[in-house]
Amino acid sequence: MTPADIADFISDLDAAIGREEQRLNAADAMLGDGDTGSMLNRLIKAMTAARVETARGLSDAVLQLAQASMKETGSSLGTLVATAAMTFAKEAKAAGDKLGAEDMGRVVAAMRDAVSARGKAAPGDKTVVDSLTAIARALDEGPPTRATAAAAAWSALDDIRDRPCRIGRARMFAERSKGGDDPGMLAVAVLLDNKETVHDD
C-alpha cells in the first residue's frame, strides 16, 4: 500500500460523497442536525486538498489525512474520522510503512478500538463502532478487499437497523430511532460501496 493508493481511495470517497451528500443529510435529519453529508463532504474535500500522493511514505500520507480532518471539523463524527486516520497512521508507522490488504483486518480493528474509546461507544450502540467491528471481522475472514468491507458495512447496517440508538443525541429518542439508519453507519456503507446505483436497503 502506497501514498498513491491512499490518494486514489480519497478520490473515490470524493466522488461518492458528491452523490450521497443529501441522502446522508436526510438520514441525519431524522434525529439530528441533518448535516452529516455536508460535513463529510467538507472533510473529504480537505483530505483531497492535502495531496497525500506526495507524502514520503504510507504513515505520513495517512497522518496528513488525520491532520486535515482535525482542522476541518468540530463535529463528533468528524473527530472520530480523524481518530481512525491517526490510528491507521500509527499502525503503518509500526509496520515500517509496509501494510498490505492482508493487514487491514487488524488495522481496522485497531481503528475500531480507538474510535470506541474516543466516542465512548460499544458494539451494539448503533454507531460506526458496529460498522468497523463487522468490517474488521470480514477482512480477517477474507478476501481482504474493498468489496468485502462494503458488504460487511451494509450487513451491519441491516443487522442493527431495528435497534435503538444508545449514544449521542439520538439516544434521547431511542424508540424513534428504531427502524432508522444511523447516519454514520450509512456513510461508511455508501462511501465504501461507491457505486453509481443506489443500494437497495
N, C-alpha and C. Protein backbone atom coordinates (compact mmCIF):
# COMPACT_ATOMS: atom_id res chain seq x y z
N MET A 1 0.85 -1.18 0.00
CA MET A 1 0.00 0.00 0.00
C MET A 1 0.89 1.24 0.00
N THR A 2 0.58 2.22 -0.85
CA THR A 2 1.41 3.40 -1.03
C THR A 2 0.60 4.68 -0.84
N PRO A 3 1.28 5.82 -0.72
CA PRO A 3 0.55 7.09 -0.67
C PRO A 3 -0.36 7.29 -1.88
N ALA A 4 0.07 6.82 -3.05
CA ALA A 4 -0.77 6.95 -4.24
C ALA A 4 -2.07 6.16 -4.08
N ASP A 5 -1.99 4.98 -3.45
CA ASP A 5 -3.20 4.19 -3.20
C ASP A 5 -4.15 4.95 -2.28
N ILE A 6 -3.60 5.58 -1.26
CA ILE A 6 -4.43 6.36 -0.33
C ILE A 6 -5.08 7.53 -1.06
N ALA A 7 -4.32 8.20 -1.92
CA ALA A 7 -4.87 9.32 -2.69
C ALA A 7 -6.00 8.86 -3.60
N ASP A 8 -5.83 7.71 -4.22
CA ASP A 8 -6.88 7.17 -5.09
C ASP A 8 -8.15 6.85 -4.29
N PHE A 9 -7.96 6.31 -3.08
CA PHE A 9 -9.10 5.98 -2.23
C PHE A 9 -9.86 7.25 -1.84
N ILE A 10 -9.13 8.29 -1.48
CA ILE A 10 -9.78 9.55 -1.11
C ILE A 10 -10.51 10.15 -2.32
N SER A 11 -9.93 10.00 -3.50
CA SER A 11 -10.59 10.47 -4.71
C SER A 11 -11.92 9.74 -4.93
N ASP A 12 -11.92 8.43 -4.66
CA ASP A 12 -13.15 7.66 -4.76
C ASP A 12 -14.19 8.14 -3.75
N LEU A 13 -13.73 8.42 -2.53
CA LEU A 13 -14.65 8.92 -1.50
C LEU A 13 -15.24 10.27 -1.92
N ASP A 14 -14.44 11.10 -2.56
CA ASP A 14 -14.91 12.40 -3.01
C ASP A 14 -16.02 12.24 -4.04
N ALA A 15 -15.84 11.29 -4.95
CA ALA A 15 -16.88 11.04 -5.94
C ALA A 15 -18.15 10.52 -5.29
N ALA A 16 -17.98 9.63 -4.31
CA ALA A 16 -19.14 9.03 -3.65
C ALA A 16 -19.92 10.05 -2.83
N ILE A 17 -19.21 10.90 -2.07
CA ILE A 17 -19.92 11.85 -1.22
C ILE A 17 -20.66 12.88 -2.06
N GLY A 18 -20.16 13.16 -3.26
CA GLY A 18 -20.88 14.07 -4.15
C GLY A 18 -22.25 13.53 -4.52
N ARG A 19 -22.34 12.20 -4.64
CA ARG A 19 -23.63 11.58 -4.97
C ARG A 19 -24.51 11.38 -3.74
N GLU A 20 -23.89 11.18 -2.59
CA GLU A 20 -24.63 10.72 -1.40
C GLU A 20 -24.86 11.78 -0.34
N GLU A 21 -24.36 12.99 -0.55
CA GLU A 21 -24.44 14.03 0.49
C GLU A 21 -25.87 14.23 1.00
N GLN A 22 -26.81 14.42 0.09
CA GLN A 22 -28.18 14.71 0.52
C GLN A 22 -28.85 13.50 1.17
N ARG A 23 -28.51 12.32 0.70
CA ARG A 23 -29.05 11.10 1.32
C ARG A 23 -28.60 11.01 2.78
N LEU A 24 -27.33 11.32 3.04
CA LEU A 24 -26.82 11.26 4.41
C LEU A 24 -27.40 12.39 5.26
N ASN A 25 -27.58 13.56 4.67
CA ASN A 25 -28.22 14.65 5.41
C ASN A 25 -29.64 14.26 5.82
N ALA A 26 -30.35 13.62 4.91
CA ALA A 26 -31.74 13.22 5.20
C ALA A 26 -31.78 12.18 6.33
N ALA A 27 -30.84 11.24 6.32
CA ALA A 27 -30.79 10.24 7.38
C ALA A 27 -30.51 10.90 8.72
N ASP A 28 -29.61 11.88 8.73
CA ASP A 28 -29.27 12.58 9.97
C ASP A 28 -30.41 13.46 10.45
N ALA A 29 -31.19 14.00 9.53
CA ALA A 29 -32.28 14.90 9.90
C ALA A 29 -33.39 14.19 10.67
N MET A 30 -33.43 12.88 10.61
CA MET A 30 -34.47 12.13 11.33
C MET A 30 -34.37 12.37 12.84
N LEU A 31 -33.13 12.48 13.36
CA LEU A 31 -32.95 12.65 14.80
C LEU A 31 -31.85 13.65 15.15
N GLY A 32 -31.19 14.20 14.15
CA GLY A 32 -30.05 15.08 14.42
C GLY A 32 -30.13 16.40 13.68
N ASP A 33 -28.96 16.95 13.37
CA ASP A 33 -28.89 18.28 12.74
C ASP A 33 -29.10 18.25 11.23
N GLY A 34 -29.04 17.09 10.64
CA GLY A 34 -29.25 16.98 9.20
C GLY A 34 -28.06 17.45 8.38
N ASP A 35 -26.85 17.32 8.94
CA ASP A 35 -25.69 17.83 8.22
C ASP A 35 -24.56 16.81 8.05
N THR A 36 -24.84 15.54 8.30
CA THR A 36 -23.78 14.54 8.20
C THR A 36 -23.15 14.52 6.81
N GLY A 37 -23.97 14.53 5.77
CA GLY A 37 -23.45 14.51 4.41
C GLY A 37 -22.63 15.74 4.09
N SER A 38 -23.12 16.91 4.48
CA SER A 38 -22.41 18.16 4.20
C SER A 38 -21.09 18.22 4.96
N MET A 39 -21.09 17.74 6.22
CA MET A 39 -19.86 17.73 7.00
C MET A 39 -18.83 16.80 6.38
N LEU A 40 -19.26 15.61 5.97
CA LEU A 40 -18.33 14.67 5.35
C LEU A 40 -17.83 15.18 4.00
N ASN A 41 -18.67 15.90 3.29
CA ASN A 41 -18.23 16.49 2.02
C ASN A 41 -17.09 17.47 2.26
N ARG A 42 -17.25 18.35 3.25
CA ARG A 42 -16.18 19.30 3.58
C ARG A 42 -14.91 18.56 4.03
N LEU A 43 -15.11 17.53 4.83
CA LEU A 43 -13.97 16.78 5.36
C LEU A 43 -13.19 16.10 4.25
N ILE A 44 -13.90 15.45 3.35
CA ILE A 44 -13.25 14.74 2.25
C ILE A 44 -12.59 15.72 1.28
N LYS A 45 -13.21 16.86 1.07
CA LYS A 45 -12.58 17.89 0.23
C LYS A 45 -11.26 18.34 0.85
N ALA A 46 -11.22 18.48 2.17
CA ALA A 46 -9.98 18.87 2.85
C ALA A 46 -8.93 17.77 2.71
N MET A 47 -9.35 16.53 2.79
CA MET A 47 -8.42 15.41 2.61
C MET A 47 -7.87 15.40 1.18
N THR A 48 -8.73 15.65 0.22
CA THR A 48 -8.30 15.69 -1.18
C THR A 48 -7.25 16.78 -1.39
N ALA A 49 -7.49 17.92 -0.76
CA ALA A 49 -6.58 19.06 -0.91
C ALA A 49 -5.22 18.80 -0.27
N ALA A 50 -5.14 17.81 0.62
CA ALA A 50 -3.87 17.51 1.30
C ALA A 50 -2.83 16.93 0.35
N ARG A 51 -3.25 16.44 -0.81
CA ARG A 51 -2.33 15.91 -1.83
C ARG A 51 -1.37 14.86 -1.24
N VAL A 52 -1.94 13.83 -0.63
CA VAL A 52 -1.11 12.87 0.09
C VAL A 52 -0.26 11.99 -0.82
N GLU A 53 -0.51 12.03 -2.13
CA GLU A 53 0.30 11.23 -3.04
C GLU A 53 1.77 11.67 -3.02
N THR A 54 2.03 12.87 -2.51
CA THR A 54 3.40 13.37 -2.45
C THR A 54 4.09 13.05 -1.12
N ALA A 55 3.40 12.38 -0.23
CA ALA A 55 3.96 12.06 1.09
C ALA A 55 5.15 11.11 0.96
N ARG A 56 6.03 11.14 1.96
CA ARG A 56 7.24 10.32 1.93
C ARG A 56 6.95 8.84 2.10
N GLY A 57 5.86 8.52 2.77
CA GLY A 57 5.51 7.12 3.00
C GLY A 57 4.07 6.99 3.43
N LEU A 58 3.64 5.76 3.65
CA LEU A 58 2.25 5.49 3.97
C LEU A 58 1.81 6.17 5.27
N SER A 59 2.61 6.05 6.31
CA SER A 59 2.22 6.64 7.59
C SER A 59 2.11 8.16 7.49
N ASP A 60 3.03 8.80 6.77
CA ASP A 60 2.95 10.25 6.58
C ASP A 60 1.70 10.64 5.80
N ALA A 61 1.34 9.84 4.80
CA ALA A 61 0.16 10.13 3.99
C ALA A 61 -1.10 10.11 4.84
N VAL A 62 -1.24 9.08 5.66
CA VAL A 62 -2.46 8.97 6.46
C VAL A 62 -2.45 9.98 7.60
N LEU A 63 -1.27 10.30 8.11
CA LEU A 63 -1.18 11.35 9.14
C LEU A 63 -1.65 12.69 8.57
N GLN A 64 -1.30 12.97 7.33
CA GLN A 64 -1.77 14.20 6.69
C GLN A 64 -3.29 14.22 6.60
N LEU A 65 -3.90 13.07 6.33
CA LEU A 65 -5.37 13.00 6.30
C LEU A 65 -5.95 13.29 7.67
N ALA A 66 -5.33 12.73 8.71
CA ALA A 66 -5.81 12.97 10.07
C ALA A 66 -5.72 14.45 10.42
N GLN A 67 -4.62 15.08 10.07
CA GLN A 67 -4.43 16.50 10.35
C GLN A 67 -5.43 17.36 9.58
N ALA A 68 -5.67 17.01 8.32
CA ALA A 68 -6.65 17.74 7.52
C ALA A 68 -8.04 17.60 8.14
N SER A 69 -8.36 16.41 8.64
CA SER A 69 -9.66 16.17 9.26
C SER A 69 -9.84 17.01 10.51
N MET A 70 -8.81 17.04 11.33
CA MET A 70 -8.91 17.77 12.60
C MET A 70 -9.06 19.26 12.38
N LYS A 71 -8.46 19.79 11.33
CA LYS A 71 -8.57 21.22 11.04
C LYS A 71 -9.93 21.59 10.49
N GLU A 72 -10.58 20.64 9.83
CA GLU A 72 -11.80 20.95 9.07
C GLU A 72 -13.07 20.83 9.89
N THR A 73 -13.09 19.98 10.90
CA THR A 73 -14.36 19.69 11.56
C THR A 73 -14.27 19.74 13.07
N GLY A 74 -15.39 20.13 13.67
CA GLY A 74 -15.52 20.07 15.12
C GLY A 74 -16.64 19.12 15.51
N SER A 75 -17.21 18.43 14.51
CA SER A 75 -18.32 17.52 14.78
C SER A 75 -17.82 16.23 15.43
N SER A 76 -18.72 15.54 16.10
CA SER A 76 -18.34 14.29 16.76
C SER A 76 -17.91 13.23 15.75
N LEU A 77 -18.66 13.09 14.65
CA LEU A 77 -18.30 12.10 13.64
C LEU A 77 -16.97 12.48 12.97
N GLY A 78 -16.78 13.76 12.70
CA GLY A 78 -15.53 14.20 12.10
C GLY A 78 -14.34 13.91 13.00
N THR A 79 -14.52 14.09 14.30
CA THR A 79 -13.47 13.78 15.26
C THR A 79 -13.13 12.29 15.24
N LEU A 80 -14.14 11.46 15.08
CA LEU A 80 -13.91 10.02 15.02
C LEU A 80 -13.19 9.63 13.73
N VAL A 81 -13.49 10.31 12.62
CA VAL A 81 -12.77 10.07 11.38
C VAL A 81 -11.28 10.39 11.57
N ALA A 82 -11.00 11.52 12.20
CA ALA A 82 -9.62 11.91 12.47
C ALA A 82 -8.93 10.90 13.39
N THR A 83 -9.66 10.43 14.39
CA THR A 83 -9.11 9.43 15.31
C THR A 83 -8.76 8.14 14.58
N ALA A 84 -9.65 7.71 13.70
CA ALA A 84 -9.41 6.50 12.92
C ALA A 84 -8.19 6.66 12.02
N ALA A 85 -8.08 7.82 11.36
CA ALA A 85 -6.94 8.08 10.49
C ALA A 85 -5.64 8.11 11.27
N MET A 86 -5.65 8.73 12.44
CA MET A 86 -4.45 8.78 13.27
C MET A 86 -4.02 7.38 13.68
N THR A 87 -4.99 6.53 14.00
CA THR A 87 -4.67 5.16 14.37
C THR A 87 -4.09 4.39 13.19
N PHE A 88 -4.65 4.58 12.01
CA PHE A 88 -4.11 3.96 10.80
C PHE A 88 -2.66 4.38 10.60
N ALA A 89 -2.38 5.67 10.78
CA ALA A 89 -1.02 6.17 10.62
C ALA A 89 -0.07 5.51 11.60
N LYS A 90 -0.50 5.33 12.84
CA LYS A 90 0.34 4.69 13.86
C LYS A 90 0.61 3.24 13.49
N GLU A 91 -0.41 2.55 13.01
CA GLU A 91 -0.23 1.16 12.61
C GLU A 91 0.73 1.05 11.43
N ALA A 92 0.61 1.98 10.49
CA ALA A 92 1.51 1.97 9.34
C ALA A 92 2.95 2.24 9.76
N LYS A 93 3.14 3.19 10.66
CA LYS A 93 4.49 3.51 11.13
C LYS A 93 5.10 2.32 11.87
N ALA A 94 4.29 1.66 12.71
CA ALA A 94 4.79 0.50 13.46
C ALA A 94 5.19 -0.63 12.53
N ALA A 95 4.56 -0.70 11.36
CA ALA A 95 4.86 -1.75 10.39
C ALA A 95 5.94 -1.32 9.40
N GLY A 96 6.58 -0.21 9.66
CA GLY A 96 7.61 0.27 8.75
C GLY A 96 7.07 0.68 7.40
N ASP A 97 5.83 1.17 7.40
CA ASP A 97 5.14 1.60 6.18
C ASP A 97 4.92 0.45 5.20
N LYS A 98 4.91 -0.75 5.72
CA LYS A 98 4.68 -1.92 4.86
C LYS A 98 3.40 -2.60 5.31
N LEU A 99 2.29 -2.12 4.79
CA LEU A 99 0.98 -2.71 5.04
C LEU A 99 0.38 -3.14 3.71
N GLY A 100 -0.27 -4.29 3.73
CA GLY A 100 -0.97 -4.78 2.55
C GLY A 100 -2.41 -5.12 2.89
N ALA A 101 -3.13 -5.60 1.92
CA ALA A 101 -4.54 -5.93 2.12
C ALA A 101 -4.73 -6.92 3.26
N GLU A 102 -3.79 -7.85 3.40
CA GLU A 102 -3.92 -8.89 4.42
C GLU A 102 -3.79 -8.33 5.84
N ASP A 103 -3.30 -7.09 5.97
CA ASP A 103 -3.15 -6.46 7.29
C ASP A 103 -4.37 -5.64 7.69
N MET A 104 -5.29 -5.41 6.77
CA MET A 104 -6.32 -4.43 7.02
C MET A 104 -7.36 -4.85 8.07
N GLY A 105 -7.57 -6.15 8.25
CA GLY A 105 -8.47 -6.57 9.32
C GLY A 105 -7.95 -6.12 10.67
N ARG A 106 -6.65 -6.33 10.90
CA ARG A 106 -6.01 -5.89 12.14
C ARG A 106 -6.03 -4.38 12.28
N VAL A 107 -5.75 -3.68 11.18
CA VAL A 107 -5.72 -2.22 11.22
C VAL A 107 -7.12 -1.66 11.52
N VAL A 108 -8.12 -2.19 10.88
CA VAL A 108 -9.49 -1.71 11.11
C VAL A 108 -9.92 -2.01 12.55
N ALA A 109 -9.50 -3.15 13.10
CA ALA A 109 -9.81 -3.47 14.49
C ALA A 109 -9.17 -2.45 15.43
N ALA A 110 -7.94 -2.04 15.13
CA ALA A 110 -7.28 -1.01 15.94
C ALA A 110 -8.00 0.32 15.82
N MET A 111 -8.45 0.65 14.61
CA MET A 111 -9.22 1.87 14.40
C MET A 111 -10.52 1.81 15.20
N ARG A 112 -11.17 0.65 15.17
CA ARG A 112 -12.41 0.46 15.93
C ARG A 112 -12.19 0.69 17.42
N ASP A 113 -11.12 0.14 17.95
CA ASP A 113 -10.84 0.30 19.38
C ASP A 113 -10.59 1.77 19.74
N ALA A 114 -9.86 2.48 18.88
CA ALA A 114 -9.58 3.89 19.14
C ALA A 114 -10.85 4.74 19.06
N VAL A 115 -11.67 4.46 18.06
CA VAL A 115 -12.93 5.19 17.89
C VAL A 115 -13.87 4.90 19.06
N SER A 116 -13.91 3.65 19.49
CA SER A 116 -14.75 3.27 20.62
C SER A 116 -14.33 4.00 21.89
N ALA A 117 -13.02 4.07 22.12
CA ALA A 117 -12.52 4.76 23.31
C ALA A 117 -12.79 6.26 23.24
N ARG A 118 -12.60 6.84 22.07
CA ARG A 118 -12.79 8.29 21.92
C ARG A 118 -14.26 8.66 22.04
N GLY A 119 -15.12 7.88 21.40
CA GLY A 119 -16.54 8.20 21.40
C GLY A 119 -17.33 7.56 22.52
N LYS A 120 -16.65 6.73 23.33
CA LYS A 120 -17.29 6.03 24.45
C LYS A 120 -18.49 5.20 23.99
N ALA A 121 -18.32 4.58 22.81
CA ALA A 121 -19.38 3.72 22.26
C ALA A 121 -18.91 2.28 22.25
N ALA A 122 -19.85 1.37 22.41
CA ALA A 122 -19.55 -0.06 22.41
C ALA A 122 -20.32 -0.73 21.29
N PRO A 123 -19.90 -1.92 20.89
CA PRO A 123 -20.68 -2.67 19.90
C PRO A 123 -22.12 -2.83 20.38
N GLY A 124 -23.05 -2.61 19.48
CA GLY A 124 -24.46 -2.69 19.82
C GLY A 124 -25.10 -1.36 20.12
N ASP A 125 -24.29 -0.29 20.21
CA ASP A 125 -24.84 1.03 20.50
C ASP A 125 -25.41 1.72 19.26
N LYS A 126 -25.27 1.09 18.10
CA LYS A 126 -25.76 1.62 16.83
C LYS A 126 -24.95 2.83 16.40
N THR A 127 -23.65 2.59 16.22
CA THR A 127 -22.72 3.63 15.77
C THR A 127 -21.74 3.03 14.77
N VAL A 128 -20.80 3.85 14.31
CA VAL A 128 -19.77 3.36 13.40
C VAL A 128 -18.91 2.27 14.03
N VAL A 129 -18.93 2.16 15.35
CA VAL A 129 -18.21 1.06 16.00
C VAL A 129 -18.75 -0.28 15.51
N ASP A 130 -20.06 -0.36 15.32
CA ASP A 130 -20.66 -1.60 14.80
C ASP A 130 -20.20 -1.86 13.37
N SER A 131 -20.09 -0.82 12.57
CA SER A 131 -19.61 -0.97 11.19
C SER A 131 -18.17 -1.46 11.18
N LEU A 132 -17.31 -0.83 11.97
CA LEU A 132 -15.90 -1.19 11.98
C LEU A 132 -15.68 -2.60 12.54
N THR A 133 -16.50 -2.99 13.50
CA THR A 133 -16.40 -4.34 14.04
C THR A 133 -16.70 -5.37 12.96
N ALA A 134 -17.77 -5.13 12.22
CA ALA A 134 -18.15 -6.06 11.15
C ALA A 134 -17.11 -6.09 10.03
N ILE A 135 -16.57 -4.93 9.69
CA ILE A 135 -15.57 -4.85 8.61
C ILE A 135 -14.29 -5.56 9.01
N ALA A 136 -13.83 -5.34 10.24
CA ALA A 136 -12.59 -6.00 10.70
C ALA A 136 -12.73 -7.51 10.65
N ARG A 137 -13.87 -8.00 11.09
CA ARG A 137 -14.09 -9.45 11.09
C ARG A 137 -14.13 -9.99 9.65
N ALA A 138 -14.83 -9.29 8.79
CA ALA A 138 -14.96 -9.74 7.40
C ALA A 138 -13.61 -9.74 6.68
N LEU A 139 -12.80 -8.72 6.92
CA LEU A 139 -11.50 -8.65 6.27
C LEU A 139 -10.57 -9.77 6.77
N ASP A 140 -10.69 -10.10 8.04
CA ASP A 140 -9.88 -11.21 8.58
C ASP A 140 -10.29 -12.54 7.95
N GLU A 141 -11.59 -12.70 7.71
CA GLU A 141 -12.09 -13.94 7.13
C GLU A 141 -11.81 -14.01 5.63
N GLY A 142 -11.67 -12.83 5.01
CA GLY A 142 -11.30 -12.73 3.60
C GLY A 142 -12.44 -12.96 2.63
N PRO A 143 -12.16 -12.60 1.37
CA PRO A 143 -10.92 -11.96 0.91
C PRO A 143 -10.82 -10.52 1.41
N PRO A 144 -9.60 -10.03 1.67
CA PRO A 144 -9.44 -8.69 2.23
C PRO A 144 -9.51 -7.61 1.14
N THR A 145 -10.73 -7.36 0.68
CA THR A 145 -10.94 -6.41 -0.41
C THR A 145 -11.92 -5.32 0.01
N ARG A 146 -11.97 -4.27 -0.79
CA ARG A 146 -12.93 -3.20 -0.53
C ARG A 146 -14.35 -3.71 -0.66
N ALA A 147 -14.60 -4.61 -1.60
CA ALA A 147 -15.94 -5.17 -1.76
C ALA A 147 -16.36 -5.94 -0.52
N THR A 148 -15.43 -6.66 0.09
CA THR A 148 -15.71 -7.38 1.33
C THR A 148 -16.08 -6.40 2.44
N ALA A 149 -15.30 -5.32 2.54
CA ALA A 149 -15.57 -4.32 3.57
C ALA A 149 -16.93 -3.66 3.35
N ALA A 150 -17.26 -3.34 2.10
CA ALA A 150 -18.55 -2.71 1.80
C ALA A 150 -19.71 -3.63 2.15
N ALA A 151 -19.59 -4.91 1.79
CA ALA A 151 -20.66 -5.87 2.09
C ALA A 151 -20.86 -5.99 3.60
N ALA A 152 -19.75 -5.99 4.35
CA ALA A 152 -19.85 -6.08 5.80
C ALA A 152 -20.51 -4.84 6.39
N ALA A 153 -20.22 -3.67 5.82
CA ALA A 153 -20.83 -2.43 6.31
C ALA A 153 -22.34 -2.43 6.07
N TRP A 154 -22.77 -2.90 4.89
CA TRP A 154 -24.21 -3.00 4.63
C TRP A 154 -24.85 -4.02 5.55
N SER A 155 -24.19 -5.13 5.79
CA SER A 155 -24.74 -6.17 6.66
C SER A 155 -24.91 -5.64 8.08
N ALA A 156 -23.92 -4.91 8.56
CA ALA A 156 -24.01 -4.33 9.90
C ALA A 156 -25.18 -3.36 9.99
N LEU A 157 -25.36 -2.56 8.95
CA LEU A 157 -26.46 -1.60 8.92
C LEU A 157 -27.80 -2.33 8.97
N ASP A 158 -27.93 -3.40 8.19
CA ASP A 158 -29.17 -4.18 8.17
C ASP A 158 -29.42 -4.85 9.52
N ASP A 159 -28.35 -5.40 10.10
CA ASP A 159 -28.50 -6.15 11.35
C ASP A 159 -28.94 -5.30 12.51
N ILE A 160 -28.54 -4.04 12.52
CA ILE A 160 -28.77 -3.20 13.70
C ILE A 160 -29.86 -2.15 13.49
N ARG A 161 -30.45 -2.13 12.31
CA ARG A 161 -31.42 -1.08 11.98
C ARG A 161 -32.59 -1.00 12.96
N ASP A 162 -33.09 -2.12 13.41
CA ASP A 162 -34.27 -2.12 14.26
C ASP A 162 -33.96 -1.95 15.75
N ARG A 163 -32.69 -1.74 16.08
CA ARG A 163 -32.33 -1.50 17.47
C ARG A 163 -32.38 0.00 17.78
N PRO A 164 -32.48 0.36 19.05
CA PRO A 164 -32.46 1.78 19.41
C PRO A 164 -31.04 2.32 19.46
N CYS A 165 -30.89 3.61 19.21
CA CYS A 165 -29.59 4.26 19.40
C CYS A 165 -29.34 4.39 20.90
N ARG A 166 -28.12 4.12 21.31
CA ARG A 166 -27.80 4.13 22.74
C ARG A 166 -26.78 5.18 23.13
N ILE A 167 -26.39 6.02 22.19
CA ILE A 167 -25.38 7.03 22.49
C ILE A 167 -25.57 8.22 21.58
N GLY A 168 -25.07 9.37 21.99
CA GLY A 168 -25.24 10.58 21.19
C GLY A 168 -26.63 11.17 21.35
N ARG A 169 -26.91 12.19 20.57
CA ARG A 169 -28.20 12.88 20.67
C ARG A 169 -29.37 11.93 20.42
N ALA A 170 -29.18 10.99 19.50
CA ALA A 170 -30.28 10.10 19.13
C ALA A 170 -30.74 9.21 20.28
N ARG A 171 -29.89 9.03 21.30
CA ARG A 171 -30.30 8.18 22.43
C ARG A 171 -31.49 8.78 23.18
N MET A 172 -31.69 10.09 23.04
CA MET A 172 -32.83 10.74 23.70
C MET A 172 -34.14 10.38 23.02
N PHE A 173 -34.04 9.82 21.81
CA PHE A 173 -35.22 9.42 21.04
C PHE A 173 -35.09 7.94 20.69
N ALA A 174 -34.76 7.13 21.70
CA ALA A 174 -34.43 5.72 21.47
C ALA A 174 -35.51 4.98 20.70
N GLU A 175 -36.76 5.17 21.07
CA GLU A 175 -37.84 4.44 20.40
C GLU A 175 -38.00 4.91 18.95
N ARG A 176 -37.88 6.22 18.73
CA ARG A 176 -38.00 6.75 17.37
C ARG A 176 -36.85 6.31 16.48
N SER A 177 -35.71 6.00 17.10
CA SER A 177 -34.54 5.61 16.30
C SER A 177 -34.65 4.19 15.77
N LYS A 178 -35.55 3.38 16.32
CA LYS A 178 -35.72 2.02 15.84
C LYS A 178 -36.25 2.04 14.40
N GLY A 179 -35.64 1.25 13.55
CA GLY A 179 -36.07 1.18 12.16
C GLY A 179 -35.39 2.18 11.25
N GLY A 180 -34.59 3.07 11.84
CA GLY A 180 -33.85 4.05 11.03
C GLY A 180 -32.37 3.73 11.01
N ASP A 181 -31.69 4.27 10.02
CA ASP A 181 -30.25 4.03 9.90
C ASP A 181 -29.47 5.09 10.65
N ASP A 182 -28.46 4.67 11.39
CA ASP A 182 -27.51 5.61 11.96
C ASP A 182 -26.78 6.27 10.79
N PRO A 183 -26.74 7.60 10.72
CA PRO A 183 -26.13 8.25 9.56
C PRO A 183 -24.64 7.94 9.41
N GLY A 184 -23.92 7.76 10.51
CA GLY A 184 -22.51 7.41 10.42
C GLY A 184 -22.32 6.03 9.82
N MET A 185 -23.13 5.08 10.26
CA MET A 185 -23.06 3.72 9.70
C MET A 185 -23.44 3.73 8.22
N LEU A 186 -24.47 4.49 7.88
CA LEU A 186 -24.88 4.59 6.48
C LEU A 186 -23.76 5.19 5.64
N ALA A 187 -23.08 6.20 6.19
CA ALA A 187 -21.97 6.83 5.47
C ALA A 187 -20.86 5.83 5.19
N VAL A 188 -20.50 5.01 6.17
CA VAL A 188 -19.46 4.01 5.96
C VAL A 188 -19.85 3.09 4.80
N ALA A 189 -21.10 2.66 4.78
CA ALA A 189 -21.55 1.72 3.74
C ALA A 189 -21.55 2.36 2.35
N VAL A 190 -22.15 3.53 2.23
CA VAL A 190 -22.26 4.12 0.88
C VAL A 190 -20.90 4.59 0.35
N LEU A 191 -20.03 5.06 1.24
CA LEU A 191 -18.73 5.53 0.78
C LEU A 191 -17.82 4.38 0.38
N LEU A 192 -17.90 3.28 1.10
CA LEU A 192 -17.11 2.11 0.72
C LEU A 192 -17.64 1.48 -0.56
N ASP A 193 -18.96 1.49 -0.72
CA ASP A 193 -19.58 0.87 -1.89
C ASP A 193 -19.24 1.65 -3.15
N ASN A 194 -19.43 2.97 -3.10
CA ASN A 194 -19.06 3.86 -4.20
C ASN A 194 -19.53 3.37 -5.55
N LYS A 195 -20.85 3.12 -5.64
CA LYS A 195 -21.43 2.70 -6.90
C LYS A 195 -22.41 3.77 -7.39
N GLU A 196 -22.54 3.85 -8.67
CA GLU A 196 -23.46 4.84 -9.23
C GLU A 196 -24.90 4.53 -8.87
N THR A 197 -25.23 3.25 -8.76
CA THR A 197 -26.60 2.87 -8.44
C THR A 197 -26.82 2.89 -6.94
N VAL A 198 -28.01 3.23 -6.52
CA VAL A 198 -28.34 3.28 -5.11
C VAL A 198 -28.53 1.86 -4.58
N HIS A 199 -27.91 1.57 -3.44
CA HIS A 199 -28.05 0.25 -2.83
C HIS A 199 -29.48 0.07 -2.36
N ASP A 200 -30.02 -1.09 -2.60
CA ASP A 200 -31.40 -1.39 -2.18
C ASP A 200 -31.40 -1.83 -0.74
N ASP A 201 -31.58 -0.86 0.18
CA ASP A 201 -31.60 -1.22 1.60
C ASP A 201 -32.98 -0.97 2.18
